[in-house]
Amino acid sequence: MVRFVAAFEVDEHRGWNIVAGVVELIAGIVIVSDPNIGFATLALLAGIAFIVNGVGMFALGWGMHSLRRETAAP
């Protein structure tokens, strides 16, 4: 819920932050609403979130690397 509310505070990447906030909110509701979900499913969901976060960080790093090459003096 915090990410969803914080998405309206910043102008950059507002759409992506709203989508991430909604997905996290839905996952949280599913985990809380089903007491039989178990730790394995919770660990699986957390692992998927970590992988998606890592891919996003990799893409950000790759973009910054490309930007550095473009702005470097010849």
Protein backbone atom coordinates (compact mmCIF):
# COMPACT_ATOMS: atom_id res chain seq x y z
CA MET A 1 0.00 0.00 0.00
CA VAL A 2 2.91 2.32 0.73
CA ARG A 3 4.31 1.98 -2.80
CA PHE A 4 0.89 2.66 -4.30
CA VAL A 5 0.39 5.84 -2.27
CA ALA A 6 3.99 6.97 -2.85
CA ALA A 7 3.48 6.60 -6.61
CA PHE A 8 1.28 9.68 -6.57
CA GLU A 9 3.98 11.76 -4.86
CA VAL A 10 6.55 11.50 -7.66
CA ASP A 11 6.19 12.26 -11.34
CA GLU A 12 8.84 9.84 -12.61
CA HIS A 13 7.65 6.35 -13.52
CA ARG A 14 4.27 6.90 -11.89
CA GLY A 15 2.62 4.21 -14.00
CA TRP A 16 5.18 1.53 -13.13
CA ASN A 17 4.97 2.36 -9.42
CA ILE A 18 1.18 2.15 -9.50
CA VAL A 19 1.31 -1.23 -11.26
CA ALA A 20 3.88 -2.55 -8.77
CA GLY A 21 1.83 -1.25 -5.87
CA VAL A 22 -1.36 -2.90 -7.12
CA VAL A 23 0.41 -6.23 -7.74
CA GLU A 24 1.95 -6.16 -4.26
CA LEU A 25 -1.41 -5.22 -2.72
CA ILE A 26 -3.15 -8.13 -4.45
CA ALA A 27 -0.40 -10.54 -3.39
CA GLY A 28 -0.69 -9.32 0.19
CA ILE A 29 -4.46 -9.79 0.20
CA VAL A 30 -4.10 -13.33 -1.17
CA ILE A 31 -1.51 -14.24 1.46
CA VAL A 32 -3.54 -12.83 4.34
CA SER A 33 -6.91 -14.16 3.16
CA ASP A 34 -5.79 -17.79 2.85
CA PRO A 35 -4.35 -19.16 6.09
CA ASN A 36 -3.37 -22.43 4.38
CA ILE A 37 -1.08 -20.74 1.89
CA GLY A 38 1.99 -21.98 3.71
CA PHE A 39 5.53 -20.77 3.95
CA ALA A 40 6.55 -22.44 0.70
CA THR A 41 4.11 -20.35 -1.33
CA LEU A 42 5.10 -17.22 0.54
CA ALA A 43 8.76 -17.96 -0.18
CA LEU A 44 7.92 -18.59 -3.85
CA LEU A 45 6.12 -15.25 -4.15
CA ALA A 46 8.97 -13.43 -2.42
CA GLY A 47 11.48 -15.15 -4.70
CA ILE A 48 9.57 -14.11 -7.79
CA ALA A 49 9.46 -10.54 -6.49
CA PHE A 50 13.23 -10.59 -5.90
CA ILE A 51 13.85 -11.91 -9.42
CA VAL A 52 11.64 -9.24 -11.00
CA ASN A 53 13.34 -6.57 -8.88
CA GLY A 54 16.76 -7.86 -9.97
CA VAL A 55 15.81 -7.81 -13.64
CA GLY A 56 14.60 -4.25 -13.22
CA MET A 57 17.85 -3.22 -11.52
CA PHE A 58 19.85 -4.89 -14.29
CA ALA A 59 17.88 -3.00 -16.93
CA LEU A 60 18.42 0.25 -15.05
CA GLY A 61 22.16 -0.42 -14.82
CA TRP A 62 22.35 -1.29 -18.49
CA GLY A 63 20.55 1.92 -19.38
CA MET A 64 22.88 3.98 -17.20
CA HIS A 65 25.88 2.28 -18.79
CA SER A 66 24.60 3.17 -22.26
CA LEU A 67 23.93 6.72 -21.15
CA ARG A 68 27.47 7.03 -19.80
CA ARG A 69 28.90 5.93 -23.14
CA GLU A 70 26.74 8.44 -25.01
CA THR A 71 27.75 11.34 -22.79
CA ALA A 72 31.46 10.51 -22.64
CA ALA A 73 33.80 12.97 -24.31
CA PRO A 74 35.31 11.68 -27.56
